[in-house]
Amino acid sequence: MSTTPIDLERPAGKGLAAGTLGLWGSTVIGLASTAPVYSLVATLGFVVLAVGAQAPIAFVIAFVPMLFIAFAYRELNNAVPDCGTTFTWGTKAFGPWVGWLGGWGVAVAGMVVLANLAQIAGIYFWALVDGIVRSPDEALLADNVSVVTATGVVFIAAMTWVSWRGVEIGERIQNVLLAIQYAALALFVVAALWHFFAGSAPDATPFDWSWFNPFAFTEWSGFIEAILLALFIYWGWDTCLALNEETKDPKRIPGRAALLTTVILLVTYVGVTVAAMMYAGLGDSGTGLGNEANADDFFLAIKDGLLGPLGWVLVVSVMISAISSTQTTILPTARGTLAMAAYKALPRRFATVHPRYKTPSFSTIVMGVVAIVYYVGMTLISDNILQDSILSLGLAIAFYYGITGYACVWYFRRELFTSPRNFFYKFLFPLLGALMLTYAFVQSAIDMYDLDYGYGGGLWGIGSTFLMGIGALAFGVLLMFLWFFFPRAKPFFRGESLNRETPVLVPEDPADFSRSIDGGLA
């Protein structure tokens, strides 16, 4: 039996399932990563509390930096379609230290949000069960921390398996889950408007164009708080780019999918917000959007009045949204660590790709295990600490998105003024987006420093949310220096394994892997 010689001069990728996703599949995964239903549930009430009737324009304004950074992702992906995204681009633009920390930012955001999503999925699963089978005088399973945590662990494990099993099966599942989410949102909007026009809304509030007036904000602090909250609900679209090596046109489809995802999210969030305001109004009692008691779960507060016997649909949609995003959140983090290992920024084991499913098998499993350990550990220590880590998530998001925006400007610095297109898409928009996110990072950190911010109090006069957010990023610095002292890390930190001139889709180093029994690389 003859074997085909390995051509070390030909870029062969990292072993992922090339050509699996089209524009639709990539967009679906990008939308699922943002968990649109859950994001609205967790954010809408707090945005209204912060800015009142200006909630719709707050979502529009928060969309701007996301769109600008999406342009940065698109341009960088056109030039360097690598699944390492921020890690790879940051390294090519600024060197190994910045690139490594950018990759760590992606991993931290994924780990923290997985714990949050698992908890939400567990709570809503048992809330659904409670509503069906339990009598009013029985203890609610949704309030049982042990039951919810165990259920969340099961969801993380199941979605880790789906991610390990292959992108194609994941895409099929996400098509179904996303369809259910948008069907629920469509039902919500139709029912809200029907009640409004029928005169049966609890606090019917006529539509007003002043809701979209960017100059009507009354307090700067409230405006900033609303924008930071709204930024969170757009996060996740960059999963499209992390799957670039598995799309049919790696240089074009991921960038287009990212832009399409952000636009669809804008329409979704603004549309649902307007319908909710017209139905429930902005009052601070009952089902009003200004009622602090309903801020953390507006859908749950109005589901029965809005949909009657179909109220359970909203509960199911939130649960599905969290489960769906659990799976899609694992995808970019696993591919990020795969890329880091391929370029010797992490131990070689992270670069292992399943020979049949063409997924980053070891990275995917490690991501799932770390998320479970983090979720269970934080829950055992204190649920308040877990919630503070979730509140600090915006720091990691702004951190690595900002690095990407700056990387775009610096990577293309020699061609920024050669054409109007380059000026806007490679310079002005990415730079503005990065500056906005830098401000968001600094302002968030200042706010989180306060002992009254969050749930866990703090230490040494510093708020626990600040400690969790900055501490997580600082821990990455420690890990980076630890890896620096390993011999295998030297090529990366010397700029040999990844630099500006490194070819796109660098092949794996055959010397790093043993041959399997079928003659392939193990």
Protein backbone atom coordinates (compact mmCIF):
# COMPACT_ATOMS: atom_id res chain seq x y z
CA MET A 1 0.00 0.00 0.00
CA SER A 2 1.43 3.37 -1.01
CA THR A 3 1.20 6.49 1.08
CA THR A 4 1.03 10.09 -0.01
CA PRO A 5 4.06 12.08 1.10
CA ILE A 6 3.45 15.06 3.33
CA ASP A 7 4.12 18.35 1.58
CA LEU A 8 5.52 20.59 4.28
CA GLU A 9 5.42 23.62 1.99
CA ARG A 10 1.65 23.51 1.47
CA PRO A 11 -0.57 25.11 4.09
CA ALA A 12 -2.91 22.30 5.16
CA GLY A 13 -4.88 23.94 7.92
CA LYS A 14 -5.27 22.50 11.37
CA GLY A 15 -7.31 19.44 10.50
CA LEU A 16 -10.78 20.97 11.00
CA ALA A 17 -13.76 20.07 8.80
CA ALA A 18 -13.22 22.55 5.99
CA GLY A 19 -16.19 23.57 3.84
CA THR A 20 -18.87 22.52 6.32
CA LEU A 21 -20.73 25.80 6.89
CA GLY A 22 -22.37 28.16 4.43
CA LEU A 23 -23.56 31.72 5.03
CA TRP A 24 -26.82 30.60 6.61
CA GLY A 25 -25.23 28.03 8.92
CA SER A 26 -22.57 30.49 10.03
CA THR A 27 -25.20 33.17 10.70
CA VAL A 28 -27.38 30.76 12.67
CA ILE A 29 -24.47 29.83 14.92
CA GLY A 30 -23.60 33.51 15.38
CA LEU A 31 -27.18 34.33 16.39
CA ALA A 32 -27.40 31.32 18.70
CA SER A 33 -24.20 32.40 20.45
CA THR A 34 -25.80 35.66 21.53
CA ALA A 35 -28.78 33.81 23.13
CA PRO A 36 -31.23 36.50 21.92
CA VAL A 37 -34.19 35.47 24.12
CA TYR A 38 -32.18 35.08 27.31
CA SER A 39 -30.20 38.25 26.59
CA LEU A 40 -33.43 40.24 26.38
CA VAL A 41 -34.82 38.63 29.52
CA ALA A 42 -31.67 39.41 31.50
CA THR A 43 -31.15 42.94 30.20
CA LEU A 44 -34.31 44.71 29.07
CA GLY A 45 -35.65 45.54 32.53
CA PHE A 46 -32.34 46.93 33.75
CA VAL A 47 -31.91 49.08 30.63
CA VAL A 48 -35.34 50.59 31.18
CA LEU A 49 -34.51 51.25 34.83
CA ALA A 50 -31.38 53.07 33.69
CA VAL A 51 -32.80 55.24 30.88
CA GLY A 52 -36.58 54.81 30.87
CA ALA A 53 -38.19 55.53 27.51
CA GLN A 54 -34.82 55.84 25.78
CA ALA A 55 -34.26 52.07 25.93
CA PRO A 56 -34.73 51.59 22.14
CA ILE A 57 -32.12 54.21 21.24
CA ALA A 58 -29.77 52.73 23.86
CA PHE A 59 -29.85 49.41 21.97
CA VAL A 60 -29.21 51.28 18.71
CA ILE A 61 -26.24 53.20 20.13
CA ALA A 62 -24.74 50.05 21.67
CA PHE A 63 -24.99 48.47 18.23
CA VAL A 64 -22.56 51.02 16.77
CA PRO A 65 -19.31 49.79 18.41
CA MET A 66 -20.36 46.20 17.72
CA LEU A 67 -20.82 47.03 14.04
CA PHE A 68 -17.48 48.83 13.91
CA ILE A 69 -15.67 45.90 15.50
CA ALA A 70 -17.50 43.53 13.14
CA PHE A 71 -15.88 45.45 10.27
CA ALA A 72 -12.49 44.90 11.93
CA TYR A 73 -13.20 41.18 12.20
CA ARG A 74 -14.27 41.05 8.57
CA GLU A 75 -11.18 42.81 7.24
CA LEU A 76 -8.76 40.79 9.36
CA ASN A 77 -10.52 37.58 8.43
CA ASN A 78 -10.25 38.43 4.73
CA ALA A 79 -6.49 38.67 5.14
CA VAL A 80 -5.94 36.01 7.83
CA PRO A 81 -8.81 33.48 8.00
CA ASP A 82 -7.52 31.71 11.08
CA CYS A 83 -9.71 30.15 13.80
CA GLY A 84 -7.52 31.80 16.45
CA THR A 85 -9.15 35.17 15.58
CA THR A 86 -8.11 37.72 18.24
CA PHE A 87 -5.15 35.62 19.36
CA THR A 88 -3.78 35.22 15.85
CA TRP A 89 -4.51 38.76 14.69
CA GLY A 90 -3.25 40.33 17.91
CA THR A 91 0.00 38.37 17.63
CA LYS A 92 0.51 39.31 13.99
CA ALA A 93 -0.15 42.97 14.74
CA PHE A 94 1.45 43.51 18.15
CA GLY A 95 3.51 40.43 18.95
CA PRO A 96 3.10 37.30 21.09
CA TRP A 97 2.37 38.92 24.45
CA VAL A 98 -0.64 40.94 23.33
CA GLY A 99 -1.88 38.07 21.15
CA TRP A 100 -1.70 35.57 24.00
CA LEU A 101 -3.67 37.84 26.32
CA GLY A 102 -6.26 38.42 23.60
CA GLY A 103 -6.73 34.68 23.31
CA TRP A 104 -7.04 34.46 27.08
CA GLY A 105 -9.75 37.13 27.03
CA VAL A 106 -11.82 34.98 24.67
CA ALA A 107 -11.35 31.93 26.91
CA VAL A 108 -12.28 33.81 30.11
CA ALA A 109 -15.45 35.23 28.59
CA GLY A 110 -16.48 31.79 27.39
CA MET A 111 -15.80 30.07 30.71
CA VAL A 112 -17.73 32.64 32.78
CA VAL A 113 -20.74 32.84 30.50
CA LEU A 114 -21.01 29.04 30.32
CA ALA A 115 -21.53 28.95 34.07
CA ASN A 116 -24.23 31.60 33.77
CA LEU A 117 -25.98 29.88 30.86
CA ALA A 118 -25.93 26.52 32.62
CA GLN A 119 -27.48 28.03 35.72
CA ILE A 120 -30.21 29.78 33.72
CA ALA A 121 -30.97 26.62 31.73
CA GLY A 122 -31.28 24.64 34.96
CA ILE A 123 -33.53 27.22 36.64
CA TYR A 124 -35.89 27.48 33.68
CA PHE A 125 -35.99 23.73 33.13
CA TRP A 126 -37.22 23.17 36.66
CA ALA A 127 -39.47 26.24 36.52
CA LEU A 128 -41.21 24.53 33.63
CA VAL A 129 -41.47 21.28 35.57
CA ASP A 130 -42.75 23.13 38.64
CA GLY A 131 -45.46 24.78 36.59
CA ILE A 132 -46.65 21.45 35.19
CA VAL A 133 -46.43 18.88 37.97
CA ARG A 134 -46.04 20.61 41.33
CA SER A 135 -48.81 22.00 43.51
CA PRO A 136 -48.61 25.59 44.86
CA ASP A 137 -47.81 24.44 48.41
CA GLU A 138 -44.81 22.29 47.39
CA ALA A 139 -41.23 23.57 47.43
CA LEU A 140 -40.11 24.70 43.99
CA LEU A 141 -37.34 22.68 42.38
CA ALA A 142 -36.24 25.81 40.51
CA ASP A 143 -35.20 27.24 43.90
CA ASN A 144 -33.19 24.15 44.87
CA VAL A 145 -29.54 25.08 44.30
CA SER A 146 -28.29 21.47 44.24
CA VAL A 147 -30.89 20.35 41.70
CA VAL A 148 -30.34 23.39 39.47
CA THR A 149 -26.55 23.02 39.62
CA ALA A 150 -26.68 19.30 38.78
CA THR A 151 -28.98 20.05 35.85
CA GLY A 152 -26.68 22.80 34.62
CA VAL A 153 -23.75 20.38 34.71
CA VAL A 154 -25.75 17.91 32.60
CA PHE A 155 -26.49 20.65 30.04
CA ILE A 156 -22.82 21.66 29.79
CA ALA A 157 -21.78 18.02 29.37
CA ALA A 158 -24.43 17.42 26.71
CA MET A 159 -23.50 20.52 24.70
CA THR A 160 -19.80 19.69 25.03
CA TRP A 161 -20.58 16.31 23.47
CA VAL A 162 -22.47 17.98 20.62
CA SER A 163 -19.53 20.34 19.99
CA TRP A 164 -17.09 17.42 20.11
CA ARG A 165 -19.28 15.37 17.78
CA GLY A 166 -18.98 17.85 14.91
CA VAL A 167 -19.91 21.26 13.54
CA GLU A 168 -22.46 19.82 11.13
CA ILE A 169 -24.61 18.15 13.80
CA GLY A 170 -24.27 21.28 15.91
CA GLU A 171 -25.52 23.41 13.01
CA ARG A 172 -28.56 21.18 12.54
CA ILE A 173 -29.45 21.37 16.22
CA GLN A 174 -28.95 25.15 16.25
CA ASN A 175 -31.30 25.58 13.30
CA VAL A 176 -34.07 23.99 15.34
CA LEU A 177 -33.26 25.77 18.60
CA LEU A 178 -32.95 29.18 16.94
CA ALA A 179 -36.23 28.67 15.07
CA ILE A 180 -37.96 28.01 18.40
CA GLN A 181 -36.43 31.16 19.92
CA TYR A 182 -37.53 33.40 17.08
CA ALA A 183 -40.96 31.82 16.96
CA ALA A 184 -41.35 32.69 20.66
CA LEU A 185 -40.15 36.25 20.08
CA ALA A 186 -42.52 36.64 17.15
CA LEU A 187 -45.37 35.35 19.32
CA PHE A 188 -44.38 37.83 22.03
CA VAL A 189 -44.41 40.81 19.64
CA VAL A 190 -47.68 39.82 17.95
CA ALA A 191 -49.43 39.20 21.29
CA ALA A 192 -48.12 42.47 22.78
CA LEU A 193 -49.31 44.53 19.82
CA TRP A 194 -52.63 42.69 19.70
CA HIS A 195 -53.28 43.52 23.36
CA PHE A 196 -52.25 47.13 22.73
CA PHE A 197 -54.64 47.67 19.83
CA ALA A 198 -57.39 45.67 21.52
CA GLY A 199 -57.17 47.86 24.60
CA SER A 200 -56.35 44.94 26.93
CA ALA A 201 -52.70 45.83 27.63
CA PRO A 202 -52.04 46.47 31.36
CA ASP A 203 -50.47 49.85 30.60
CA ALA A 204 -50.93 50.61 26.92
CA THR A 205 -48.35 53.19 25.85
CA PRO A 206 -48.57 54.63 22.33
CA PHE A 207 -45.44 54.46 20.20
CA ASP A 208 -43.41 57.66 20.31
CA TRP A 209 -40.53 58.61 18.01
CA SER A 210 -38.90 60.34 21.00
CA TRP A 211 -37.89 56.85 22.15
CA PHE A 212 -35.25 57.05 19.42
CA ASN A 213 -33.97 60.51 20.32
CA PRO A 214 -30.25 60.16 21.25
CA PHE A 215 -30.29 63.59 22.93
CA ALA A 216 -33.10 62.79 25.36
CA PHE A 217 -30.96 60.98 27.93
CA THR A 218 -31.19 62.82 31.24
CA GLU A 219 -28.26 61.30 33.18
CA TRP A 220 -24.81 60.43 31.88
CA SER A 221 -24.37 57.62 34.41
CA GLY A 222 -27.67 56.04 33.39
CA PHE A 223 -26.75 56.35 29.73
CA ILE A 224 -23.39 54.61 30.27
CA GLU A 225 -25.00 51.88 32.36
CA ALA A 226 -27.58 51.20 29.65
CA ILE A 227 -24.98 51.10 26.88
CA LEU A 228 -22.77 48.68 28.84
CA LEU A 229 -25.77 46.43 29.47
CA ALA A 230 -26.76 46.58 25.82
CA LEU A 231 -23.20 45.75 24.71
CA PHE A 232 -23.47 42.45 26.54
CA ILE A 233 -26.52 41.28 24.59
CA TYR A 234 -24.78 41.76 21.24
CA TRP A 235 -21.76 39.73 22.30
CA GLY A 236 -21.33 36.34 20.63
CA TRP A 237 -21.53 37.13 16.94
CA ASP A 238 -17.75 36.61 16.63
CA THR A 239 -18.34 32.85 16.82
CA CYS A 240 -18.90 33.14 13.05
CA LEU A 241 -15.25 34.12 12.67
CA ALA A 242 -13.93 31.41 14.99
CA LEU A 243 -15.44 28.87 12.57
CA ASN A 244 -13.82 30.47 9.53
CA GLU A 245 -11.66 27.44 8.71
CA GLU A 246 -14.82 25.30 8.60
CA THR A 247 -16.79 27.48 6.20
CA LYS A 248 -17.08 27.04 2.45
CA ASP A 249 -15.46 30.40 1.72
CA PRO A 250 -13.22 31.21 4.73
CA LYS A 251 -12.27 34.70 3.57
CA ARG A 252 -15.74 36.02 2.83
CA ILE A 253 -18.56 34.06 4.49
CA PRO A 254 -17.52 34.51 8.17
CA GLY A 255 -17.25 38.30 7.86
CA ARG A 256 -20.55 38.57 6.03
CA ALA A 257 -22.22 36.30 8.58
CA ALA A 258 -20.92 38.46 11.45
CA LEU A 259 -22.30 41.64 9.90
CA LEU A 260 -25.61 39.95 9.08
CA THR A 261 -25.85 38.61 12.64
CA THR A 262 -25.35 42.03 14.23
CA VAL A 263 -28.00 43.63 11.98
CA ILE A 264 -30.54 40.88 12.71
CA LEU A 265 -29.87 41.30 16.44
CA LEU A 266 -30.40 45.06 16.21
CA VAL A 267 -33.80 44.59 14.55
CA THR A 268 -34.73 41.87 17.06
CA TYR A 269 -33.81 43.79 20.19
CA VAL A 270 -35.33 47.09 19.13
CA GLY A 271 -38.51 45.43 17.87
CA VAL A 272 -39.10 43.43 21.05
CA THR A 273 -38.29 46.45 23.24
CA VAL A 274 -40.79 48.68 21.45
CA ALA A 275 -43.52 46.00 21.64
CA ALA A 276 -42.82 45.47 25.36
CA MET A 277 -43.02 49.19 26.08
CA MET A 278 -46.28 49.53 24.17
CA TYR A 279 -47.77 46.58 26.09
CA ALA A 280 -46.47 47.07 29.65
CA GLY A 281 -45.49 50.71 29.78
CA LEU A 282 -42.73 52.13 31.97
CA GLY A 283 -44.50 52.09 35.33
CA ASP A 284 -42.72 51.06 38.51
CA SER A 285 -45.46 48.71 39.72
CA GLY A 286 -47.26 45.62 38.43
CA THR A 287 -45.97 44.46 35.06
CA GLY A 288 -44.41 47.84 34.21
CA LEU A 289 -40.93 47.76 32.76
CA GLY A 290 -39.85 50.18 35.48
CA ASN A 291 -40.73 47.74 38.27
CA GLU A 292 -37.44 46.72 39.92
CA ALA A 293 -38.99 43.46 41.09
CA ASN A 294 -39.34 42.33 37.48
CA ALA A 295 -36.05 43.70 36.15
CA ASP A 296 -34.15 40.41 36.18
CA ASP A 297 -36.90 38.48 34.36
CA PHE A 298 -39.50 40.57 32.58
CA PHE A 299 -40.85 37.68 30.50
CA LEU A 300 -41.66 35.60 33.57
CA ALA A 301 -43.57 38.51 35.09
CA ILE A 302 -45.87 39.08 32.10
CA LYS A 303 -46.14 35.64 30.50
CA ASP A 304 -49.54 34.71 31.95
CA GLY A 305 -51.19 38.04 31.24
CA LEU A 306 -49.69 38.22 27.76
CA LEU A 307 -50.16 34.65 26.54
CA GLY A 308 -52.53 33.06 29.05
CA PRO A 309 -52.29 29.25 28.83
CA LEU A 310 -49.43 29.60 26.34
CA GLY A 311 -47.26 31.42 28.87
CA TRP A 312 -45.05 28.36 29.17
CA VAL A 313 -43.77 29.08 25.65
CA LEU A 314 -41.69 31.98 26.99
CA VAL A 315 -40.24 29.78 29.74
CA VAL A 316 -39.25 27.15 27.18
CA SER A 317 -37.75 29.75 24.87
CA VAL A 318 -35.49 31.17 27.60
CA MET A 319 -34.35 27.66 28.56
CA ILE A 320 -33.64 26.76 24.93
CA SER A 321 -31.85 30.06 24.38
CA ALA A 322 -29.48 29.31 27.28
CA ILE A 323 -28.90 25.70 26.18
CA SER A 324 -28.32 26.77 22.59
CA SER A 325 -25.78 29.40 23.56
CA THR A 326 -24.00 26.89 25.82
CA GLN A 327 -23.09 24.82 22.78
CA THR A 328 -22.10 27.73 20.53
CA THR A 329 -20.00 29.34 23.28
CA ILE A 330 -17.83 26.24 23.48
CA LEU A 331 -17.02 26.46 19.75
CA PRO A 332 -14.91 29.66 19.63
CA THR A 333 -13.06 28.98 22.87
CA ALA A 334 -12.10 25.47 21.79
CA ARG A 335 -10.91 26.69 18.41
CA GLY A 336 -9.03 29.55 20.02
CA THR A 337 -7.03 27.19 22.22
CA LEU A 338 -6.53 24.87 19.21
CA ALA A 339 -4.94 27.74 17.29
CA MET A 340 -2.83 28.75 20.28
CA ALA A 341 -1.49 25.22 20.54
CA ALA A 342 -0.87 25.00 16.79
CA TYR A 343 1.38 28.06 17.06
CA LYS A 344 3.03 26.76 20.26
CA ALA A 345 1.32 29.25 22.57
CA LEU A 346 -0.18 26.34 24.55
CA PRO A 347 0.79 22.69 25.10
CA ARG A 348 0.58 20.62 21.91
CA ARG A 349 -2.25 18.46 23.27
CA PHE A 350 -4.70 21.34 22.75
CA ALA A 351 -4.08 21.08 19.00
CA THR A 352 -5.48 17.54 18.85
CA VAL A 353 -8.20 17.20 16.21
CA HIS A 354 -10.58 14.23 16.18
CA PRO A 355 -9.66 12.08 13.14
CA ARG A 356 -13.30 11.40 12.26
CA TYR A 357 -15.32 14.38 13.48
CA LYS A 358 -12.66 16.98 12.60
CA THR A 359 -13.24 18.94 15.79
CA PRO A 360 -10.68 20.20 18.35
CA SER A 361 -11.39 17.19 20.55
CA PHE A 362 -9.09 17.83 23.49
CA SER A 363 -9.74 21.59 23.58
CA THR A 364 -13.50 21.01 23.46
CA ILE A 365 -13.46 18.51 26.31
CA VAL A 366 -11.16 20.69 28.42
CA MET A 367 -13.47 23.66 27.86
CA GLY A 368 -16.46 21.66 29.05
CA VAL A 369 -14.64 20.29 32.09
CA VAL A 370 -13.25 23.71 33.09
CA ALA A 371 -16.71 25.29 32.74
CA ILE A 372 -18.24 22.59 34.95
CA VAL A 373 -15.52 22.91 37.60
CA TYR A 374 -15.85 26.70 37.56
CA TYR A 375 -19.64 26.59 37.78
CA VAL A 376 -19.75 24.04 40.59
CA GLY A 377 -16.83 25.63 42.43
CA MET A 378 -18.29 29.13 42.35
CA THR A 379 -21.70 27.81 43.41
CA LEU A 380 -20.18 25.96 46.37
CA ILE A 381 -18.18 29.01 47.46
CA SER A 382 -21.00 31.51 47.06
CA ASP A 383 -23.71 32.18 44.53
CA ASN A 384 -22.98 35.88 45.07
CA ILE A 385 -19.42 35.37 43.85
CA LEU A 386 -20.73 33.52 40.79
CA GLN A 387 -23.10 36.39 40.01
CA ASP A 388 -20.30 38.93 40.44
CA SER A 389 -18.12 37.03 37.99
CA ILE A 390 -20.99 37.17 35.49
CA LEU A 391 -21.39 40.92 36.05
CA SER A 392 -17.67 41.33 35.33
CA LEU A 393 -18.01 39.56 31.98
CA GLY A 394 -18.15 42.88 30.12
CA LEU A 395 -14.51 43.55 31.01
CA ALA A 396 -13.26 40.46 29.17
CA ILE A 397 -15.53 41.17 26.20
CA ALA A 398 -14.45 44.82 25.86
CA PHE A 399 -10.83 43.71 26.36
CA TYR A 400 -10.55 41.27 23.48
CA TYR A 401 -12.89 43.15 21.14
CA GLY A 402 -10.77 46.26 21.73
CA ILE A 403 -7.56 44.37 20.95
CA THR A 404 -9.13 43.19 17.69
CA GLY A 405 -10.06 46.74 16.66
CA TYR A 406 -6.58 48.10 17.36
CA ALA A 407 -5.00 45.07 15.67
CA CYS A 408 -6.95 45.80 12.50
CA VAL A 409 -5.65 49.37 12.34
CA TRP A 410 -2.04 48.40 13.02
CA TYR A 411 -1.96 45.29 10.84
CA PHE A 412 -3.16 47.26 7.80
CA ARG A 413 -1.28 50.45 8.69
CA ARG A 414 0.58 50.58 5.37
CA GLU A 415 -2.60 50.61 3.29
CA LEU A 416 -5.06 52.63 5.41
CA PHE A 417 -5.06 55.69 3.17
CA THR A 418 -4.74 54.03 -0.21
CA SER A 419 -8.50 54.04 -0.88
CA PRO A 420 -11.72 55.36 0.72
CA ARG A 421 -12.76 51.75 1.47
CA ASN A 422 -9.57 51.05 3.39
CA PHE A 423 -9.87 54.34 5.26
CA PHE A 424 -13.33 53.55 6.59
CA TYR A 425 -13.25 49.76 7.03
CA LYS A 426 -9.64 49.21 8.09
CA PHE A 427 -8.97 52.45 9.94
CA LEU A 428 -11.81 54.72 11.02
CA PHE A 429 -14.53 52.22 11.98
CA PRO A 430 -12.22 49.71 13.75
CA LEU A 431 -10.44 52.54 15.60
CA LEU A 432 -13.69 54.17 16.74
CA GLY A 433 -15.03 50.79 17.83
CA ALA A 434 -11.86 50.01 19.78
CA LEU A 435 -11.86 53.44 21.46
CA MET A 436 -15.52 53.06 22.46
CA LEU A 437 -14.84 49.64 23.95
CA THR A 438 -11.74 50.91 25.72
CA TYR A 439 -13.88 53.57 27.33
CA ALA A 440 -16.47 50.94 28.21
CA PHE A 441 -13.72 48.82 29.81
CA VAL A 442 -12.33 51.70 31.88
CA GLN A 443 -15.75 53.00 32.93
CA SER A 444 -16.92 49.51 33.86
CA ALA A 445 -13.79 48.89 35.91
CA ILE A 446 -14.28 52.19 37.77
CA ASP A 447 -17.90 51.35 38.52
CA MET A 448 -17.08 47.81 39.60
CA TYR A 449 -14.40 49.04 42.01
CA ASP A 450 -17.20 50.31 44.27
CA LEU A 451 -18.07 47.99 47.16
CA ASP A 452 -21.77 48.51 46.49
CA TYR A 453 -21.50 47.19 42.94
CA GLY A 454 -22.66 43.59 42.60
CA TYR A 455 -23.60 41.04 45.22
CA GLY A 456 -20.50 39.87 47.05
CA GLY A 457 -19.29 43.02 48.79
CA GLY A 458 -15.53 43.01 48.41
CA LEU A 459 -12.10 42.86 50.01
CA TRP A 460 -9.65 45.56 51.07
CA GLY A 461 -12.17 48.23 50.09
CA ILE A 462 -12.39 46.93 46.51
CA GLY A 463 -15.63 45.63 45.01
CA SER A 464 -15.77 41.87 44.42
CA THR A 465 -16.99 42.37 40.83
CA PHE A 466 -13.83 44.34 40.06
CA LEU A 467 -11.70 41.70 41.76
CA MET A 468 -13.34 38.91 39.74
CA GLY A 469 -13.08 40.71 36.39
CA ILE A 470 -9.61 42.18 36.64
CA GLY A 471 -8.43 39.14 38.61
CA ALA A 472 -9.45 36.79 35.80
CA LEU A 473 -7.50 38.82 33.23
CA ALA A 474 -4.51 39.10 35.60
CA PHE A 475 -4.55 35.33 36.10
CA GLY A 476 -4.00 35.07 32.34
CA VAL A 477 -0.83 37.13 32.71
CA LEU A 478 0.40 34.64 35.32
CA LEU A 479 -0.37 31.65 33.08
CA MET A 480 1.36 33.33 30.15
CA PHE A 481 4.56 33.82 32.13
CA LEU A 482 4.41 30.24 33.39
CA TRP A 483 4.14 28.94 29.82
CA PHE A 484 6.97 31.25 28.75
CA PHE A 485 9.44 29.17 30.77
CA PHE A 486 8.59 25.90 29.00
CA PRO A 487 11.03 25.02 26.18
CA ARG A 488 8.23 24.36 23.69
CA ALA A 489 6.96 27.92 24.18
CA LYS A 490 10.18 29.55 22.97
CA PRO A 491 9.33 29.58 19.23
CA PHE A 492 6.10 31.42 19.94
CA PHE A 493 7.51 34.05 22.30
CA ARG A 494 10.49 34.60 19.97
CA GLY A 495 8.04 35.32 17.17
CA GLU A 496 9.08 32.30 15.10
CA SER A 497 5.95 30.13 15.06
CA LEU A 498 3.59 33.06 14.46
CA ASN A 499 4.44 36.48 13.11
CA ARG A 500 3.23 38.93 10.50
CA GLU A 501 4.72 36.89 7.66
CA THR A 502 3.45 33.49 8.82
CA PRO A 503 1.33 31.98 6.00
CA VAL A 504 -2.42 31.69 6.47
CA LEU A 505 -3.65 28.31 7.72
CA VAL A 506 -0.25 27.13 8.92
CA PRO A 507 0.04 23.33 8.76
CA GLU A 508 0.56 21.33 11.88
CA ASP A 509 4.15 20.42 12.63
CA PRO A 510 4.46 16.67 11.81
CA ALA A 511 7.22 16.35 14.38
CA ASP A 512 4.77 17.23 17.11
CA PHE A 513 2.46 14.30 16.45
CA SER A 514 2.86 10.56 16.27
CA ARG A 515 1.41 8.50 13.42
CA SER A 516 -1.77 6.57 14.01
CA ILE A 517 -2.26 3.01 12.84
CA ASP A 518 -4.02 4.13 9.65
CA GLY A 519 -1.04 6.14 8.52
CA GLY A 520 -2.54 9.54 9.39
CA LEU A 521 -1.40 11.96 12.01
CA ALA A 522 -2.73 11.18 15.47
